[in-house]
Every structure is written in C-alpha cells, then in structure tokens.
Amino acid sequence: MGTSVVRQLVPGRAMREGAGVTVRRTLGSSALPNLDPFLMLDYFNSDDPDDYIAGFPEHPHRGFVTVTYMLDGHMLHQDSMGNRGDLGPGGVQWMKAASGVLHSEMPQQEAGLMRGFQIWINLPAREKMSAPAYQEFTAARLPTVRENGAEIKVIAGSHAGRTGPVSDPHTDACYLDVALAAEYRFAHRAEADHQGFVYCFEGGLTIDGTELPGHHLAVLDTSRLWSLTADKSGARFIMVTGRPLGEPVAQYGPFVMNTREEIEQALRDYRDGKLVRVKAGVIS
C-alpha cells in the first residue's frame, strides 16, 4: 500500500459458527489473526432464517471481552451469572468474560433480517482471572452526532464531544457507526497510540484514495488523519480503535490467555465444571 493510510485490506471469510449461524469473519481469520487489542470481528447479515435460527447455544468464554452490536433483528442473551439481555435493533452489549462465563445468544425471531457485529477485545494479564462484568444499552442510549453529511452513532469512546455508553477501560476502545451521504467526506483522527480498522457494510467507501471493497476490513495507520469518502450510493461503516496491550496471546477457541499452560487450565476447569467462579455485576 506504500504511503497510504490503509495498511492492510482483509477479505471477509464466510463460515458457520454456533449451532450453524453464517458469519463473515475478517479479524480473527488466517489473513489477520489479531490486531492488538482486538481478537475477532464477525459480521452477520441474512434474511434467511436457515442462516441464523439455530443461534449460539450455551458455550464458554474466558480471558477477554465480547461486544455485540445489533443492527437489525432480535437476540436474547442469557448467562451463568443470571444476566438476561434482550438485544433489539441498535442495541449493544459488552460482556467481560474474564475468569469464566457460560452464555447463550439465541434469535427471538423466525423470519426477517438478522444483522450485526461481534467484536472480541483482549484483556490484560492482570484482568484475565478477575470477576466478570456486563453492560447492555438500547439504541436510545447511543448518542448521535450529525455533521456535514454524516450521522455518527457513538457506541464507545468519544466523538465531537459526545461519549458512548460502553466503556472498555483497559483499551480505551472507540467504536463508531457512521452513515455517510453520497460523495461526502468524513475525517477522523484516532489516538496515535491506538490501532484501528474500518468495515464498510453498506454502499461504497474510499479511504485516502484506496477503495474499500465490500466485505473487507481496512487496517488503518493511526498516526495519520483518516479521510473517508462515500461513493454515489453513500456508505455506512463501523470504525473501531483501541490501545494495544502488548502482551502474548495464547488462544484456543473461546479461551484467550497469555500462555499455553493457562489455556490447558481453562480446558480442565471447563471439563470439571469449575470455569464459572463468580457472578458479574451489571451496569445499565
């Protein structure tokens, strides 16, 4: 890419997760195993119930955070800590699995469009075995900024003086959902010590002169101003940045630790029914 602000373009890889949910994965694929502190980005988008109706029955997590942002559809979250999250259009939840959580995410619809994102964010070593925590917010809780052809929903972090309700204190993550009118430009300067990416899911987008193809993620250089221009059909995209942890990553499926030994302990704990240690506090 030379001197472009776009460091890497990562194509989405279609795969089946959970009990048979079709997702398109960019971050967390063989092309980009992780982008510290981010571990995975999945985009799900289908109006065919065969692609999502089986959902994600109960499964474990340890050592990281999941952030689910629902664009369309209705998903029910339940977990071993007693949390019950009824996530509708525009809703978002942040779940710090930390020492261990069992949870499920099941569709509450039999037809219609189901669309959204899930991001996995790493936790620092000192937090991996801490108490879990949970945040959930409806669409009405997300501040909206309107400026020069753009409508920006602030999920986490800040933009134009508005701060999103989701807090990821270990990475200071910023998470924006930006809708850009046809041929309008949107400029953003990320924190220089962060890493970040953009995923366009509606219309078309050019970033600093580089076209972002559909179902691709663009890893961007946070030391430079980001200039994003919508094509003639307009564009809608998510923009996510966060401060790297700079720690080793050992991952096996739903367990993300720092060493192989810690992964083996997580597997033993799950096998022996000891994965869940404490209940989470709920922030609303």
Protein backbone atom coordinates (compact mmCIF):
# COMPACT_ATOMS: atom_id res chain seq x y z
CA MET A 1 0.00 0.00 0.00
CA GLY A 2 3.04 2.32 0.03
CA THR A 3 2.38 5.51 1.98
CA SER A 4 -1.39 5.03 2.10
CA VAL A 5 -3.20 5.35 5.40
CA VAL A 6 -4.57 1.85 4.61
CA ARG A 7 -2.06 -0.65 5.97
CA GLN A 8 -3.90 -3.82 5.02
CA LEU A 9 -7.12 -4.95 3.34
CA VAL A 10 -8.56 -8.15 4.79
CA PRO A 11 -11.31 -10.05 2.91
CA GLY A 12 -14.20 -11.49 4.88
CA ARG A 13 -14.33 -15.26 5.11
CA ALA A 14 -17.78 -16.86 5.31
CA MET A 15 -18.06 -19.56 7.97
CA ARG A 16 -20.55 -21.28 10.24
CA GLU A 17 -20.42 -20.61 13.98
CA GLY A 18 -22.51 -21.61 16.99
CA ALA A 19 -25.12 -24.21 16.03
CA GLY A 20 -24.96 -23.14 12.38
CA VAL A 21 -25.02 -19.33 12.14
CA THR A 22 -23.45 -17.90 8.99
CA VAL A 23 -20.95 -15.11 9.72
CA ARG A 24 -18.36 -13.28 7.68
CA ARG A 25 -15.03 -13.07 9.56
CA THR A 26 -12.20 -10.66 8.82
CA LEU A 27 -10.25 -10.04 12.03
CA GLY A 28 -9.51 -13.43 13.60
CA SER A 29 -9.01 -15.11 10.22
CA SER A 30 -5.79 -16.56 8.82
CA ALA A 31 -5.22 -13.27 6.97
CA LEU A 32 -5.28 -11.26 10.22
CA PRO A 33 -5.21 -13.46 13.37
CA ASN A 34 -5.46 -10.39 15.64
CA LEU A 35 -4.92 -6.64 15.75
CA ASP A 36 -3.91 -5.93 19.34
CA PRO A 37 -6.10 -5.44 21.37
CA PHE A 38 -8.77 -6.82 19.00
CA LEU A 39 -9.07 -10.57 18.52
CA MET A 40 -12.03 -11.06 16.19
CA LEU A 41 -14.65 -9.27 14.08
CA ASP A 42 -17.69 -11.18 12.81
CA TYR A 43 -20.42 -9.63 10.66
CA PHE A 44 -23.72 -11.47 10.37
CA ASN A 45 -26.28 -10.39 7.77
CA SER A 46 -29.10 -12.55 6.43
CA ASP A 47 -32.85 -12.55 5.96
CA ASP A 48 -32.77 -16.34 5.52
CA PRO A 49 -33.63 -17.93 8.89
CA ASP A 50 -31.62 -21.02 7.92
CA ASP A 51 -28.54 -18.80 8.31
CA TYR A 52 -29.26 -17.80 11.92
CA ILE A 53 -32.19 -19.61 13.51
CA ALA A 54 -30.01 -22.20 15.32
CA GLY A 55 -28.28 -19.39 17.21
CA PHE A 56 -25.47 -19.82 19.71
CA PRO A 57 -26.49 -22.33 22.42
CA GLU A 58 -24.65 -22.26 25.76
CA HIS A 59 -20.88 -22.05 25.35
CA PRO A 60 -17.91 -20.89 27.48
CA HIS A 61 -15.56 -17.88 27.38
CA ARG A 62 -12.53 -16.91 29.45
CA GLY A 63 -9.93 -14.15 29.25
CA PHE A 64 -11.47 -11.48 27.02
CA VAL A 65 -14.45 -9.20 26.28
CA THR A 66 -17.22 -9.65 23.71
CA VAL A 67 -19.04 -6.64 22.24
CA THR A 68 -22.23 -7.37 20.28
CA TYR A 69 -23.90 -4.60 18.26
CA MET A 70 -27.27 -5.46 16.75
CA LEU A 71 -28.24 -3.54 13.62
CA ASP A 72 -31.42 -5.46 12.80
CA GLY A 73 -33.23 -8.34 14.47
CA HIS A 74 -33.80 -9.63 17.97
CA MET A 75 -31.36 -11.73 20.01
CA LEU A 76 -31.69 -12.96 23.60
CA HIS A 77 -28.57 -13.23 25.77
CA GLN A 78 -28.55 -15.38 28.91
CA ASP A 79 -25.57 -16.38 31.01
CA SER A 80 -24.40 -18.33 34.03
CA MET A 81 -24.28 -15.14 36.10
CA GLY A 82 -28.02 -14.56 35.83
CA ASN A 83 -27.85 -11.78 33.23
CA ARG A 84 -30.63 -11.71 30.64
CA GLY A 85 -30.15 -9.31 27.75
CA ASP A 86 -32.93 -8.72 25.24
CA LEU A 87 -30.97 -7.16 22.38
CA GLY A 88 -33.02 -5.42 19.68
CA PRO A 89 -32.18 -3.16 16.70
CA GLY A 90 -29.46 -0.67 17.60
CA GLY A 91 -28.76 -2.33 20.96
CA VAL A 92 -25.29 -3.15 22.23
CA GLN A 93 -23.86 -5.34 24.96
CA TRP A 94 -20.36 -5.61 26.43
CA MET A 95 -19.54 -8.80 28.33
CA LYS A 96 -16.28 -9.15 30.22
CA ALA A 97 -15.89 -12.92 30.46
CA ALA A 98 -12.66 -12.65 32.48
CA SER A 99 -12.35 -15.69 34.80
CA GLY A 100 -15.18 -17.53 33.11
CA VAL A 101 -18.72 -17.27 31.73
CA LEU A 102 -21.18 -19.68 30.17
CA HIS A 103 -23.67 -17.90 27.94
CA SER A 104 -26.07 -18.30 25.03
CA GLU A 105 -27.27 -15.95 22.30
CA MET A 106 -30.49 -17.12 20.66
CA PRO A 107 -32.63 -15.46 17.96
CA GLN A 108 -36.09 -14.33 19.06
CA GLN A 109 -37.47 -14.29 15.52
CA GLU A 110 -38.35 -16.95 12.97
CA ALA A 111 -38.11 -14.74 9.89
CA GLY A 112 -36.79 -11.36 8.76
CA LEU A 113 -33.40 -9.71 8.72
CA MET A 114 -30.76 -10.51 11.36
CA ARG A 115 -27.74 -8.23 11.09
CA GLY A 116 -24.95 -7.02 13.33
CA PHE A 117 -21.37 -7.32 14.55
CA GLN A 118 -19.48 -9.09 17.29
CA ILE A 119 -16.00 -7.95 18.31
CA TRP A 120 -13.68 -9.74 20.73
CA ILE A 121 -11.35 -7.48 22.74
CA ASN A 122 -8.42 -8.87 24.70
CA LEU A 123 -7.93 -8.34 28.43
CA PRO A 124 -4.57 -7.62 30.07
CA ALA A 125 -2.99 -10.49 32.02
CA ARG A 126 -3.89 -8.90 35.37
CA GLU A 127 -7.60 -8.94 34.43
CA LYS A 128 -7.98 -12.36 32.83
CA MET A 129 -8.95 -14.08 36.07
CA SER A 130 -10.85 -11.13 37.57
CA ALA A 131 -14.60 -11.01 38.14
CA PRO A 132 -16.78 -10.85 35.02
CA ALA A 133 -18.86 -7.76 34.25
CA TYR A 134 -21.73 -6.92 31.92
CA GLN A 135 -23.06 -3.79 30.21
CA GLU A 136 -26.14 -3.54 27.99
CA PHE A 137 -27.70 -0.50 26.32
CA THR A 138 -30.64 0.09 23.98
CA ALA A 139 -30.39 2.13 20.80
CA ALA A 140 -31.87 5.12 22.64
CA ARG A 141 -28.78 5.24 24.88
CA LEU A 142 -26.35 5.76 21.98
CA PRO A 143 -25.57 9.45 21.34
CA THR A 144 -25.92 10.56 17.72
CA VAL A 145 -23.79 13.30 16.14
CA ARG A 146 -24.86 14.89 12.83
CA GLU A 147 -22.28 16.80 10.85
CA ASN A 148 -21.58 17.64 7.18
CA GLY A 149 -23.41 14.73 5.55
CA ALA A 150 -22.58 12.25 8.32
CA GLU A 151 -24.61 10.66 11.10
CA ILE A 152 -22.40 9.11 13.76
CA LYS A 153 -23.64 6.81 16.50
CA VAL A 154 -21.16 6.75 19.37
CA ILE A 155 -21.08 3.28 20.92
CA ALA A 156 -17.83 3.59 22.88
CA GLY A 157 -15.27 6.35 23.26
CA SER A 158 -15.98 9.91 22.17
CA HIS A 159 -16.63 11.94 19.03
CA ALA A 160 -17.41 15.65 18.74
CA GLY A 161 -17.87 15.96 22.49
CA ARG A 162 -20.33 13.05 22.80
CA THR A 163 -19.37 9.89 24.69
CA GLY A 164 -20.80 6.43 24.10
CA PRO A 165 -22.24 4.40 26.98
CA VAL A 166 -20.00 1.35 26.55
CA SER A 167 -16.73 1.54 28.46
CA ASP A 168 -13.73 -0.70 27.87
CA PRO A 169 -11.33 0.77 30.45
CA HIS A 170 -8.34 -1.44 29.65
CA THR A 171 -8.07 -0.42 25.99
CA ASP A 172 -9.99 2.90 25.84
CA ALA A 173 -11.77 1.49 22.80
CA CYS A 174 -13.61 3.87 20.50
CA TYR A 175 -16.46 2.38 18.43
CA LEU A 176 -18.41 4.48 15.92
CA ASP A 177 -21.21 3.60 13.49
CA VAL A 178 -21.03 6.16 10.66
CA ALA A 179 -23.61 6.73 7.91
CA LEU A 180 -22.24 8.98 5.18
CA ALA A 181 -24.31 10.63 2.45
CA ALA A 182 -23.37 10.16 -1.21
CA GLU A 183 -19.93 11.56 -2.07
CA TYR A 184 -19.50 13.18 1.33
CA ARG A 185 -16.19 13.05 3.19
CA PHE A 186 -15.67 12.12 6.82
CA ALA A 187 -12.40 12.89 8.60
CA HIS A 188 -11.26 11.31 11.85
CA ARG A 189 -8.02 11.36 13.81
CA ALA A 190 -7.54 8.37 16.10
CA GLU A 191 -5.30 8.35 19.13
CA ALA A 192 -1.75 7.90 17.84
CA ASP A 193 -1.01 5.05 20.27
CA HIS A 194 -4.10 3.10 19.20
CA GLN A 195 -4.65 0.52 16.47
CA GLY A 196 -7.80 0.63 14.40
CA PHE A 197 -9.88 -0.57 11.50
CA VAL A 198 -12.89 0.26 9.33
CA TYR A 199 -15.52 -2.15 7.96
CA CYS A 200 -17.98 -0.84 5.36
CA PHE A 201 -21.28 -2.74 5.35
CA GLU A 202 -23.50 -0.53 3.17
CA GLY A 203 -22.66 1.29 -0.04
CA GLY A 204 -19.08 2.01 -1.03
CA LEU A 205 -16.15 3.79 0.56
CA THR A 206 -12.77 5.18 -0.43
CA ILE A 207 -10.16 5.72 2.29
CA ASP A 208 -7.38 8.17 1.47
CA GLY A 209 -7.73 7.26 -2.21
CA THR A 210 -7.86 3.49 -1.62
CA GLU A 211 -11.12 1.73 -2.43
CA LEU A 212 -12.52 -0.48 0.33
CA PRO A 213 -14.21 -3.47 -1.38
CA GLY A 214 -17.37 -4.96 0.06
CA HIS A 215 -16.93 -7.47 2.90
CA HIS A 216 -13.36 -6.26 3.55
CA LEU A 217 -11.77 -4.78 6.65
CA ALA A 218 -9.20 -1.99 6.32
CA VAL A 219 -6.45 -1.74 8.93
CA LEU A 220 -5.56 1.95 9.18
CA ASP A 221 -2.46 3.89 10.21
CA THR A 222 -3.46 5.74 13.39
CA SER A 223 -0.54 8.16 13.12
CA ARG A 224 -2.31 9.91 10.23
CA LEU A 225 -5.61 11.66 9.62
CA TRP A 226 -8.23 9.28 8.23
CA SER A 227 -10.13 10.64 5.21
CA LEU A 228 -13.12 8.54 4.15
CA THR A 229 -15.35 9.39 1.17
CA ALA A 230 -18.63 7.70 0.27
CA ASP A 231 -19.38 6.72 -3.32
CA LYS A 232 -22.51 7.76 -5.25
CA SER A 233 -24.66 5.35 -3.25
CA GLY A 234 -23.47 6.65 0.13
CA ALA A 235 -21.83 4.45 2.76
CA ARG A 236 -22.26 3.07 6.24
CA PHE A 237 -19.34 1.67 8.21
CA ILE A 238 -18.04 0.92 11.66
CA MET A 239 -14.79 2.48 12.84
CA VAL A 240 -13.03 0.92 15.82
CA THR A 241 -9.80 1.83 17.61
CA GLY A 242 -8.13 0.77 20.85
CA ARG A 243 -4.87 0.89 22.76
CA PRO A 244 -2.73 -2.26 22.29
CA LEU A 245 -1.88 -4.35 25.34
CA GLY A 246 1.49 -5.55 24.03
CA GLU A 247 1.16 -8.97 25.69
CA PRO A 248 1.47 -12.53 24.33
CA VAL A 249 -1.75 -14.14 23.11
CA ALA A 250 -2.50 -17.83 23.61
CA GLN A 251 -5.88 -18.77 22.18
CA TYR A 252 -7.86 -21.96 21.88
CA GLY A 253 -11.39 -21.39 20.62
CA PRO A 254 -13.34 -19.46 23.28
CA PHE A 255 -10.38 -19.19 25.69
CA VAL A 256 -7.80 -16.40 25.32
CA MET A 257 -4.93 -16.32 27.81
CA ASN A 258 -1.22 -15.45 27.81
CA THR A 259 0.33 -18.92 27.96
CA ARG A 260 -0.40 -22.45 26.78
CA GLU A 261 -0.46 -23.61 30.40
CA GLU A 262 -3.27 -21.17 31.17
CA ILE A 263 -5.23 -22.50 28.20
CA GLU A 264 -4.82 -26.05 29.46
CA GLN A 265 -6.06 -24.94 32.89
CA ALA A 266 -9.13 -23.32 31.28
CA LEU A 267 -9.88 -26.58 29.46
CA ARG A 268 -9.57 -28.56 32.72
CA ASP A 269 -11.78 -26.06 34.55
CA TYR A 270 -14.45 -26.31 31.86
CA ARG A 271 -14.29 -30.10 31.84
CA ASP A 272 -14.53 -30.23 35.64
CA GLY A 273 -17.37 -27.69 35.92
CA LYS A 274 -15.12 -25.08 37.55
CA LEU A 275 -14.97 -22.46 34.80
CA VAL A 276 -17.54 -20.13 36.37
CA ARG A 277 -16.13 -18.75 39.63
CA VAL A 278 -18.03 -15.54 40.40
CA LYS A 279 -21.12 -13.71 39.27
CA ALA A 280 -20.85 -10.45 37.34
CA GLY A 281 -22.01 -7.04 38.33
CA VAL A 282 -24.43 -5.44 35.88
CA ILE A 283 -24.05 -1.88 34.57
CA SER A 284 -27.13 -0.36 32.94
